[in-house]
Protein backbone atom coordinates (compact mmCIF):
# COMPACT_ATOMS: atom_id res chain seq x y z
CA UNK A 1 -6.26 6.29 -32.12
CA UNK A 2 -9.00 5.89 -34.73
CA UNK A 3 -12.42 7.48 -34.25
CA UNK A 4 -14.35 4.13 -34.21
CA UNK A 5 -11.99 2.88 -31.49
CA UNK A 6 -12.57 6.00 -29.42
CA UNK A 7 -16.33 5.60 -29.90
CA UNK A 8 -16.37 2.03 -28.62
CA UNK A 9 -14.14 2.99 -25.67
CA UNK A 10 -16.50 5.87 -24.91
CA UNK A 11 -19.46 3.47 -25.16
CA UNK A 12 -17.88 1.11 -22.61
CA UNK A 13 -16.98 3.98 -20.29
CA UNK A 14 -20.59 5.17 -20.53
CA UNK A 15 -21.82 1.75 -19.38
CA UNK A 16 -19.44 1.94 -16.42
CA UNK A 17 -20.74 5.39 -15.46
CA UNK A 18 -24.38 4.31 -15.71
CA UNK A 19 -23.58 1.32 -13.49
CA UNK A 20 -21.87 3.65 -11.03
CA UNK A 21 -24.87 5.99 -11.01
CA UNK A 22 -27.17 3.06 -10.27
CA UNK A 23 -24.80 1.99 -7.50
CA UNK A 24 -25.32 5.36 -5.81
CA UNK A 25 -28.88 4.24 -5.08
CA UNK A 26 -27.48 1.97 -2.36
CA UNK A 27 -26.46 4.87 -0.08
CA UNK A 28 -29.81 6.56 -0.79
CA UNK A 29 -31.73 3.44 0.26
CA UNK A 30 -29.49 3.18 3.31
CA UNK A 31 -30.46 6.70 4.35
CA UNK A 32 -34.13 5.85 3.95
CA UNK A 33 -33.66 2.71 6.05
CA UNK A 34 -32.02 4.77 8.81
CA UNK A 35 -34.70 7.47 8.41
CA UNK A 36 -32.08 10.13 7.70
CA UNK A 37 -31.88 12.62 4.87
CA UNK A 38 -28.70 14.56 5.63
CA UNK A 39 -26.71 13.32 2.58
CA UNK A 40 -29.59 12.34 0.32
CA UNK A 41 -29.45 15.45 -1.88
CA UNK A 42 -25.70 15.03 -2.42
CA UNK A 43 -26.09 11.47 -3.69
CA UNK A 44 -29.07 12.42 -5.89
CA UNK A 45 -27.06 15.16 -7.60
CA UNK A 46 -23.97 12.95 -7.93
CA UNK A 47 -26.04 10.13 -9.41
CA UNK A 48 -27.76 12.49 -11.86
CA UNK A 49 -24.45 13.97 -13.06
CA UNK A 50 -22.78 10.57 -13.38
CA UNK A 51 -25.76 8.95 -15.08
CA UNK A 52 -26.18 11.90 -17.46
CA UNK A 53 -22.56 11.71 -18.59
CA UNK A 54 -22.88 7.96 -18.99
CA UNK A 55 -25.97 8.28 -21.17
CA UNK A 56 -24.23 10.93 -23.28
CA UNK A 57 -21.38 8.50 -23.97
CA UNK A 58 -23.70 5.58 -24.72
CA UNK A 59 -26.22 7.55 -26.83
CA UNK A 60 -24.20 7.53 -30.13
CA UNK A 61 -24.32 3.74 -29.98
CA UNK A 62 -21.66 1.11 -30.43
CA UNK A 63 -19.82 1.15 -33.78
CA UNK A 64 -20.77 -1.92 -35.79
CA UNK A 65 -17.35 -2.97 -37.08
CA UNK A 66 -15.04 -1.53 -34.43
CA UNK A 67 -12.83 -3.98 -32.55
CA UNK A 68 -10.48 -3.38 -29.67
CA UNK A 69 -6.90 -4.46 -30.22
CA UNK A 70 -4.70 -5.52 -27.30
CA UNK A 71 -3.04 -2.09 -27.29
CA UNK A 72 -6.46 -0.44 -27.02
CA UNK A 73 -7.15 -2.49 -23.89
CA UNK A 74 -4.27 -0.74 -22.14
CA UNK A 75 -5.96 2.61 -22.69
CA UNK A 76 -9.43 1.30 -21.80
CA UNK A 77 -8.20 -0.30 -18.58
CA UNK A 78 -6.44 2.84 -17.39
CA UNK A 79 -9.20 5.20 -18.56
CA UNK A 80 -11.99 3.19 -16.94
CA UNK A 81 -10.42 3.30 -13.48
CA UNK A 82 -9.64 7.02 -13.78
CA UNK A 83 -13.05 8.03 -15.13
CA UNK A 84 -14.98 5.97 -12.58
CA UNK A 85 -12.86 7.39 -9.77
CA UNK A 86 -13.42 10.97 -10.94
CA UNK A 87 -17.21 10.58 -10.80
CA UNK A 88 -17.30 8.36 -7.71
CA UNK A 89 -15.63 11.20 -5.77
CA UNK A 90 -18.63 13.50 -6.30
CA UNK A 91 -20.81 12.16 -3.44
CA UNK A 92 -17.98 12.57 -0.93
CA UNK A 93 -17.21 16.09 -2.04
CA UNK A 94 -20.88 17.14 -1.99
CA UNK A 95 -21.84 15.40 1.26
CA UNK A 96 -18.71 15.99 3.34
CA UNK A 97 -17.95 19.48 1.97
CA UNK A 98 -14.31 18.52 1.47
CA UNK A 99 -12.00 19.53 -1.36
CA UNK A 100 -12.06 17.54 -4.59
CA UNK A 101 -8.46 16.51 -3.84
CA UNK A 102 -9.51 14.85 -0.59
CA UNK A 103 -12.58 13.30 -2.22
CA UNK A 104 -10.52 11.94 -5.12
CA UNK A 105 -7.87 10.53 -2.76
CA UNK A 106 -10.50 8.79 -0.62
CA UNK A 107 -12.25 7.43 -3.70
CA UNK A 108 -9.06 6.24 -5.39
CA UNK A 109 -8.11 4.57 -2.12
CA UNK A 110 -11.51 2.89 -2.02
CA UNK A 111 -11.78 1.71 -5.61
CA UNK A 112 -8.18 0.42 -5.70
CA UNK A 113 -8.92 -1.38 -2.39
CA UNK A 114 -6.02 0.43 -0.73
CA UNK A 115 -7.80 1.62 2.42
CA UNK A 116 -5.86 4.82 3.16
CA UNK A 117 -8.23 7.49 4.44
CA UNK A 118 -8.40 11.21 5.08
CA UNK A 119 -11.69 11.02 6.99
CA UNK A 120 -12.14 11.07 10.77
CA UNK A 121 -15.14 10.68 13.03
CA UNK A 122 -16.25 7.50 11.28
CA UNK A 123 -17.96 6.19 14.42
CA UNK A 124 -20.57 8.95 14.04
CA UNK A 125 -20.46 9.40 10.27
CA UNK A 126 -23.45 9.24 7.95
CA UNK A 127 -24.46 5.66 7.07
CA UNK A 128 -24.60 6.71 3.41
CA UNK A 129 -20.94 7.72 3.48
CA UNK A 130 -19.86 4.51 5.21
CA UNK A 131 -21.76 2.21 2.86
CA UNK A 132 -20.49 4.15 -0.19
CA UNK A 133 -16.87 3.71 0.91
CA UNK A 134 -17.40 -0.02 1.42
CA UNK A 135 -19.24 -0.32 -1.89
CA UNK A 136 -16.28 1.29 -3.69
CA UNK A 137 -14.06 -1.38 -2.18
CA UNK A 138 -16.45 -4.10 -3.27
CA UNK A 139 -16.75 -2.83 -6.85
CA UNK A 140 -13.00 -2.28 -7.12
CA UNK A 141 -12.28 -5.79 -5.88
CA UNK A 142 -14.50 -7.59 -8.38
CA UNK A 143 -13.28 -5.22 -11.09
CA UNK A 144 -9.67 -6.15 -10.48
CA UNK A 145 -10.42 -9.87 -10.42
CA UNK A 146 -12.08 -9.55 -13.81
CA UNK A 147 -9.16 -7.57 -15.17
CA UNK A 148 -6.56 -9.98 -13.73
CA UNK A 149 -8.30 -13.03 -15.19
CA UNK A 150 -9.54 -11.69 -18.53
CA UNK A 151 -7.38 -8.73 -19.60
CA UNK A 152 -3.92 -8.73 -18.04
CA UNK A 153 -2.90 -12.19 -19.36
CA UNK A 154 -3.71 -11.05 -22.91
CA UNK A 155 -1.52 -7.99 -22.38
CA UNK A 156 1.31 -10.13 -20.94
CA UNK A 157 0.91 -8.36 -17.61
CA UNK A 158 0.30 -10.07 -14.28
CA UNK A 159 0.74 -13.73 -13.44
CA UNK A 160 -2.45 -15.52 -14.45
CA UNK A 161 -0.78 -17.19 -17.44
CA UNK A 162 1.08 -19.36 -14.94
CA UNK A 163 -2.21 -20.61 -13.52
CA UNK A 164 -4.30 -21.13 -16.65
CA UNK A 165 -3.33 -24.77 -17.08
CA UNK A 166 -2.79 -27.45 -14.45
CA UNK A 167 -1.78 -31.10 -14.58
CA UNK A 168 -5.46 -32.06 -14.48
CA UNK A 169 -6.17 -29.54 -17.30
CA UNK A 170 -9.09 -28.23 -15.25
CA UNK A 171 -8.80 -24.79 -16.87
CA UNK A 172 -9.90 -26.12 -20.25
CA UNK A 173 -12.98 -27.65 -18.64
CA UNK A 174 -13.69 -24.80 -16.26
CA UNK A 175 -13.28 -21.90 -18.65
CA UNK A 176 -14.81 -22.77 -22.02
CA UNK A 177 -16.05 -19.20 -22.41
CA UNK A 178 -14.96 -16.00 -20.72
CA UNK A 179 -18.52 -14.92 -19.89
CA UNK A 180 -19.06 -18.21 -18.05
CA UNK A 181 -16.00 -17.52 -15.92
CA UNK A 182 -17.26 -14.03 -15.16
CA UNK A 183 -20.64 -15.38 -14.01
CA UNK A 184 -19.04 -17.96 -11.76
CA UNK A 185 -16.59 -15.47 -10.23
CA UNK A 186 -19.31 -12.88 -9.64
CA UNK A 187 -21.51 -15.52 -8.00
CA UNK A 188 -18.66 -16.64 -5.74
CA UNK A 189 -17.83 -13.04 -4.86
CA UNK A 190 -21.44 -12.30 -3.90
CA UNK A 191 -21.70 -15.56 -1.94
CA UNK A 192 -18.55 -14.77 0.06
CA UNK A 193 -19.91 -11.29 0.77
CA UNK A 194 -23.16 -12.69 2.13
CA UNK A 195 -21.32 -15.31 4.20
CA UNK A 196 -19.07 -12.59 5.60
CA UNK A 197 -22.10 -10.51 6.51
CA UNK A 198 -23.67 -13.41 8.40
CA UNK A 199 -20.37 -14.32 10.09
CA UNK A 200 -19.64 -10.77 11.30
CA UNK A 201 -23.22 -10.41 12.51
CA UNK A 202 -22.92 -13.69 14.41
CA UNK A 203 -19.57 -12.60 15.87
CA UNK A 204 -21.06 -9.48 17.48
CA UNK A 205 -21.37 -6.69 14.94
CA UNK A 206 -24.60 -4.94 14.09
CA UNK A 207 -26.05 -5.82 10.65
CA UNK A 208 -24.88 -2.49 9.22
CA UNK A 209 -21.35 -2.92 10.59
CA UNK A 210 -21.34 -6.51 9.35
CA UNK A 211 -22.19 -5.72 5.72
CA UNK A 212 -19.63 -2.91 5.61
CA UNK A 213 -16.84 -5.08 6.96
CA UNK A 214 -17.82 -8.03 4.80
CA UNK A 215 -17.43 -5.93 1.64
CA UNK A 216 -14.19 -4.49 3.00
CA UNK A 217 -12.62 -7.84 3.95
CA UNK A 218 -13.51 -9.86 0.85
CA UNK A 219 -12.17 -7.05 -1.36
CA UNK A 220 -9.06 -6.77 0.87
CA UNK A 221 -9.82 -3.06 1.07
CA UNK A 222 -9.62 -2.06 4.72
CA UNK A 223 -12.19 0.70 5.22
CA UNK A 224 -13.98 0.36 8.55
CA UNK A 225 -16.94 2.01 10.24
CA UNK A 226 -14.73 3.07 13.16
CA UNK A 227 -11.66 5.28 13.44
CA UNK A 228 -10.00 2.56 15.54
CA UNK A 229 -10.67 -0.11 12.88
CA UNK A 230 -11.05 -3.67 14.24
CA UNK A 231 -9.82 -2.57 17.68
CA UNK A 232 -13.32 -1.14 18.16
CA UNK A 233 -14.60 -4.71 18.65
CA UNK A 234 -13.16 -6.68 21.56
CA UNK A 235 -14.74 -10.02 20.57
CA UNK A 236 -12.07 -12.48 19.35
CA UNK A 237 -14.68 -14.01 17.01
CA UNK A 238 -14.85 -10.75 15.05
CA UNK A 239 -11.09 -10.78 14.60
CA UNK A 240 -10.95 -14.39 13.39
CA UNK A 241 -13.83 -13.84 10.97
CA UNK A 242 -11.88 -10.90 9.54
CA UNK A 243 -8.78 -13.10 9.15
CA UNK A 244 -10.78 -15.79 7.37
CA UNK A 245 -12.35 -13.46 4.81
CA UNK A 246 -9.14 -11.54 4.20
CA UNK A 247 -7.56 -14.88 3.27
CA UNK A 248 -10.52 -15.92 1.12
CA UNK A 249 -10.24 -12.65 -0.82
CA UNK A 250 -6.51 -13.23 -1.34
CA UNK A 251 -6.78 -16.63 -3.04
CA UNK A 252 -7.22 -17.08 -6.83
CA UNK A 253 -10.90 -16.91 -7.71
CA UNK A 254 -10.40 -19.15 -10.74
CA UNK A 255 -9.53 -21.95 -8.32
CA UNK A 256 -12.85 -21.44 -6.55
CA UNK A 257 -14.47 -21.89 -9.96
CA UNK A 258 -12.48 -25.09 -10.44
CA UNK A 259 -13.62 -26.32 -7.03
CA UNK A 260 -17.26 -25.72 -7.87
CA UNK A 261 -16.84 -27.49 -11.21
CA UNK A 262 -15.78 -30.70 -9.47
CA UNK A 263 -12.01 -30.34 -9.15
CA UNK A 264 -12.00 -30.50 -5.36
CA UNK A 265 -8.21 -30.59 -4.98
CA UNK A 266 -7.50 -27.59 -7.22
CA UNK A 267 -6.96 -25.25 -4.27
CA UNK A 268 -4.84 -27.67 -2.25
CA UNK A 269 -2.63 -28.65 -5.18
CA UNK A 270 -1.90 -25.10 -6.28
CA UNK A 271 1.68 -24.21 -5.45
CA UNK A 272 0.85 -20.54 -4.99
CA UNK A 273 -1.95 -21.23 -2.49
CA UNK A 274 0.20 -23.65 -0.47
CA UNK A 275 3.05 -21.15 -0.37
CA UNK A 276 0.77 -18.27 0.62
CA UNK A 277 -0.98 -20.15 3.44
CA UNK A 278 2.29 -21.67 4.63
CA UNK A 279 3.95 -18.26 4.76
CA UNK A 280 1.05 -16.80 6.75
CA UNK A 281 1.00 -19.64 9.28
CA UNK A 282 4.77 -19.58 9.80
CA UNK A 283 4.75 -15.80 10.30
CA UNK A 284 1.85 -16.04 12.77
CA UNK A 285 3.64 -18.66 14.84
CA UNK A 286 7.08 -17.02 14.92
CA UNK A 287 5.88 -13.44 15.33
CA UNK A 288 3.13 -14.41 17.79
CA UNK A 289 5.65 -16.22 19.98
CA UNK A 290 7.96 -13.20 19.81
CA UNK A 291 5.14 -10.88 20.91
CA UNK A 292 4.24 -13.28 23.73
CA UNK A 293 7.82 -13.09 25.05
CA UNK A 294 7.96 -9.29 24.73
CA UNK A 295 4.55 -8.23 26.05
CA UNK A 296 2.01 -8.90 28.78
CA UNK A 297 -0.33 -10.83 26.44
CA UNK A 298 -0.87 -14.54 26.93
CA UNK A 299 0.09 -16.72 23.97
CA UNK A 300 -3.42 -17.05 22.49
CA UNK A 301 -4.02 -13.30 22.60
CA UNK A 302 -0.60 -12.58 21.13
CA UNK A 303 -1.23 -15.13 18.37
CA UNK A 304 -4.63 -13.60 17.56
CA UNK A 305 -3.35 -10.01 17.51
CA UNK A 306 -0.44 -10.98 15.29
CA UNK A 307 -2.68 -13.06 13.00
CA UNK A 308 -5.00 -10.10 12.38
CA UNK A 309 -2.28 -7.52 11.78
CA UNK A 310 0.03 -9.76 9.73
CA UNK A 311 -2.82 -11.07 7.56
CA UNK A 312 -4.05 -7.51 7.09
CA UNK A 313 -0.69 -6.28 5.80
CA UNK A 314 0.24 -9.37 3.74
CA UNK A 315 -3.17 -9.47 2.04
CA UNK A 316 -2.95 -5.67 1.56
CA UNK A 317 -6.22 -5.17 3.43
CA UNK A 318 -4.96 -2.55 5.87
CA UNK A 319 -7.24 -2.98 8.89
CA UNK A 320 -5.47 -2.77 12.25
CA UNK A 321 -5.88 -4.28 15.69
CA UNK A 322 -3.99 -1.75 17.79
CA UNK A 323 -0.81 0.16 16.99
CA UNK A 324 1.82 -2.42 16.09
CA UNK A 325 4.46 0.30 15.66
CA UNK A 326 4.61 0.47 19.47
CA UNK A 327 5.99 -3.09 19.63
CA UNK A 328 9.54 -1.98 18.84
CA UNK A 329 11.92 -1.58 15.92
CA UNK A 330 11.84 -5.30 15.00
CA UNK A 331 8.07 -5.12 14.55
CA UNK A 332 8.24 -1.93 12.50
CA UNK A 333 10.84 -3.34 10.12
CA UNK A 334 9.01 -6.66 9.76
CA UNK A 335 5.71 -4.98 8.90
CA UNK A 336 7.53 -2.82 6.34
CA UNK A 337 8.85 -5.97 4.66
CA UNK A 338 5.43 -7.62 4.80
CA UNK A 339 3.96 -4.62 2.95
CA UNK A 340 5.49 -5.89 -0.29
CA UNK A 341 4.35 -9.54 -0.19
CA UNK A 342 0.73 -9.41 -1.37
CA UNK A 343 -1.75 -12.23 -1.94
CA UNK A 344 -2.23 -14.58 -4.89
CA UNK A 345 -2.57 -13.73 -8.55
CA UNK A 346 -6.19 -13.48 -9.65
CA UNK A 347 -7.36 -12.32 -6.22
CA UNK A 348 -8.41 -8.95 -4.83
CA UNK A 349 -5.07 -8.46 -3.06
CA UNK A 350 -2.30 -6.14 -4.23
CA UNK A 351 1.45 -6.18 -3.65
CA UNK A 352 4.11 -8.06 -5.56
CA UNK A 353 2.07 -11.29 -5.23
CA UNK A 354 3.44 -14.42 -3.61
CA UNK A 355 4.02 -16.29 -6.89
CA UNK A 356 6.73 -13.83 -7.96
CA UNK A 357 8.75 -14.68 -4.87
CA UNK A 358 8.25 -18.39 -5.55
CA UNK A 359 9.28 -18.12 -9.19
CA UNK A 360 12.33 -16.06 -8.19
CA UNK A 361 13.29 -18.81 -5.74
CA UNK A 362 12.96 -21.48 -8.44
CA UNK A 363 15.19 -19.42 -10.73
CA UNK A 364 17.74 -18.80 -7.97
CA UNK A 365 17.85 -22.51 -7.12
CA UNK A 366 18.29 -23.45 -10.78
CA UNK A 367 21.10 -20.92 -11.26
CA UNK A 368 22.95 -22.21 -8.20
CA UNK A 369 22.63 -25.80 -9.47
CA UNK A 370 23.92 -24.65 -12.86
CA UNK A 371 27.00 -23.14 -11.18
CA UNK A 372 27.71 -26.43 -9.43
CA UNK A 373 26.97 -28.55 -12.53
CA UNK A 374 27.75 -26.33 -15.56
CA UNK A 375 26.87 -28.99 -18.15
CA UNK A 376 23.61 -30.10 -16.56
CA UNK A 377 20.26 -29.32 -18.14
CA UNK A 378 18.24 -27.77 -15.31
CA UNK A 379 14.49 -27.88 -15.72
CA UNK A 380 12.72 -24.85 -14.24
CA UNK A 381 9.06 -25.43 -13.41
CA UNK A 382 6.45 -23.72 -11.30
CA UNK A 383 2.93 -25.01 -10.78
CA UNK A 384 3.59 -27.69 -13.41
CA UNK A 385 4.46 -24.93 -15.89
CA UNK A 386 7.81 -24.47 -17.58
CA UNK A 387 9.30 -21.10 -16.68
CA UNK A 388 10.07 -19.81 -20.17
CA UNK A 389 11.88 -16.63 -21.20
CA UNK A 390 8.60 -14.75 -21.58
CA UNK A 391 7.67 -15.37 -17.95
CA UNK A 392 11.15 -14.48 -16.73
CA UNK A 393 11.13 -11.26 -18.75
CA UNK A 394 7.68 -10.32 -17.40
CA UNK A 395 8.74 -10.99 -13.81
CA UNK A 396 11.96 -9.00 -14.04
CA UNK A 397 10.30 -6.09 -15.84
CA UNK A 398 7.45 -5.82 -13.36
CA UNK A 399 9.67 -6.18 -10.29
CA UNK A 400 12.08 -3.54 -11.61
CA UNK A 401 9.41 -0.96 -12.38
CA UNK A 402 7.57 -1.81 -9.14
CA UNK A 403 10.69 -0.89 -7.15
CA UNK A 404 11.48 2.16 -9.27
CA UNK A 405 7.91 3.45 -8.94
CA UNK A 406 8.06 3.28 -5.14
CA UNK A 407 11.46 5.01 -5.16
CA UNK A 408 10.34 7.83 -7.47
CA UNK A 409 7.12 8.48 -5.52
CA UNK A 410 9.05 8.43 -2.22
CA UNK A 411 11.50 11.00 -3.60
CA UNK A 412 8.60 13.12 -4.79
CA UNK A 413 6.98 13.02 -1.35
CA UNK A 414 10.27 13.95 0.28
CA UNK A 415 10.64 16.84 -2.17
CA UNK A 416 7.18 18.06 -1.15
CA UNK A 417 8.41 18.19 2.45
CA UNK A 418 7.44 14.91 4.13
CA UNK A 419 9.87 13.16 6.49
CA UNK A 420 11.64 10.11 5.09
CA UNK A 421 9.61 7.55 7.06
CA UNK A 422 6.30 9.00 5.88
CA UNK A 423 7.61 9.41 2.32
CA UNK A 424 9.04 5.91 1.96
CA UNK A 425 6.27 3.97 3.70
CA UNK A 426 3.59 6.15 2.13
CA UNK A 427 4.92 5.36 -1.34
CA UNK A 428 5.19 1.66 -0.51
CA UNK A 429 1.71 1.38 0.98
CA UNK A 430 0.19 3.25 -1.98
CA UNK A 431 1.82 1.17 -4.72
CA UNK A 432 1.24 -2.08 -2.79
CA UNK A 433 -2.38 -1.01 -2.03
CA UNK A 434 -1.97 -1.82 1.66
CA UNK A 435 -3.47 1.25 3.38
CA UNK A 436 -1.62 2.38 6.49
CA UNK A 437 2.03 3.32 6.39
CA UNK A 438 4.43 3.76 9.29
CA UNK A 439 5.32 6.70 11.49
CA UNK A 440 3.26 9.10 13.62
CA UNK A 441 1.29 10.61 10.70
CA UNK A 442 0.16 7.74 8.45
CA UNK A 443 0.74 4.79 10.79
CA UNK A 444 -1.90 2.16 11.62
CA UNK A 445 -3.71 4.58 13.96
CA UNK A 446 -2.92 7.66 11.87
CA UNK A 447 -4.55 9.42 8.94
CA UNK A 448 -3.56 10.88 5.57
CA UNK A 449 -5.49 14.14 6.02
CA UNK A 450 -2.48 16.20 7.28
CA UNK A 451 -0.59 15.60 4.02
CA UNK A 452 -0.45 18.45 1.48
CA UNK A 453 -2.61 18.22 -1.64
CA UNK A 454 0.38 17.52 -3.90
CA UNK A 455 1.26 14.49 -1.78
CA UNK A 456 -2.31 13.18 -2.00
CA UNK A 457 -2.33 13.42 -5.80
CA UNK A 458 1.05 11.68 -5.99
CA UNK A 459 -0.14 8.91 -3.68
CA UNK A 460 -3.33 8.57 -5.73
CA UNK A 461 -1.17 7.98 -8.80
CA UNK A 462 0.77 5.37 -6.84
CA UNK A 463 -2.45 3.56 -5.89
CA UNK A 464 -3.57 3.47 -9.52
CA UNK A 465 -0.18 2.24 -10.74
CA UNK A 466 -0.06 -0.49 -8.12
CA UNK A 467 -3.63 -1.67 -8.72
CA UNK A 468 -3.14 -1.90 -12.50
CA UNK A 469 0.23 -3.65 -12.17
CA UNK A 470 2.20 -0.55 -13.30
CA UNK A 471 3.08 -1.64 -16.85
CA UNK A 472 -0.55 -1.24 -17.97
CA UNK A 473 -0.42 2.46 -17.12
CA UNK A 474 3.18 3.18 -18.12
CA UNK A 475 2.71 1.87 -21.67
CA UNK A 476 -0.09 4.40 -22.23
CA UNK A 477 2.30 7.21 -21.28
CA UNK A 478 4.94 6.29 -23.88
CA UNK A 479 5.10 8.24 -27.18
CA UNK A 480 5.25 4.97 -29.16
CA UNK A 481 1.78 4.02 -27.91
CA UNK A 482 0.22 7.06 -29.63
CA UNK A 483 1.98 6.60 -32.95
CA UNK A 484 0.06 4.78 -35.70
């Protein structure tokens, strides 16, 4: 990689670190508001170190004629998430006096909006720590939206190319310039966060709890201010507000832009959105009725409990309303399957994404019709887009490496010494960015702190791979990438 290219990448990374250092002022101001100073020194030191390194990278200036090629964007994307995570772990290590492994795991979980945690005693934790965890979620969520909309389509990764043009060609009118899209998306993201804050506050949370959960829900992250997650609040209104904002965070943000630009039916006409919402509603109804028959809950309570937990897993948020692994083997297996679904492309959610299942169905249906009518010309379309060979190749490649990645990480965890349930579900929840796994250790009421350090580093890698859609990271690791 040429020196000017490395300089411009370093310049961009420096800007990210300076932004991160400024972001550390939020926990400091929170401590001042609560009239506490227990973690203030830790955040001051972390901010100074992060800001100093950022200034050192920015100081040489941006090369005048250097341009980033598409292949350079692979490296920048991977490096930016890794570097930010390395420095964002400093406040946790300094304030909680935990190992850097634990701090890095917690930070990677936060910034990839996974939600797995090694911390306990959150109900009495420092407000600076709680707001920092939620802020990592929030920054990671908006960072992934920007990457999914602006970078991944150029690299032929992700699914946004399927949603860039519609029958009403709203994309050409909505997105004349990339910086305009970024401003709209950021404005929508901030507006949803503020609405979530007000809604949670109205539903019964304190203002501090409300802002934390608003950032966590809209980013589909899952960190809470309580060890018992949403079960700490008995008000049904809190649970339904959480469901609403988990869904809002899981829909394509470019469609919100289209809505604001006058295309009021963009959301309702989108095949991915209809499929996602339809799948959620059908699962709520069927699973809620099943729980009603097999528990002491009345139907409305069973429906609400199922709606929260199913939405949490499908949208890869990871909050929990009770221990759903106690509902029986059917429930355990269903939640394991739901782990892989994910939200919509161009949202904050992880997982395989719902559009890949829809495209696979279209392809399966076309192949079956071709077997029945061998000479027929079968037209394959999704969202008013022709499914060409490029899209098929991208879908198959991603799905294959997605599955292989989970399998390899699960084998690695088993080799370290974890039982097969913890190894398999831990690998799946890391790569899908869901949060809780299954089993007595990392289940919905469990914690990742008992795992050995090697397992935490392996799971951290899985979170990064899943958040960056795997191929973006794997291509950087190939020898061909580093050859001129």
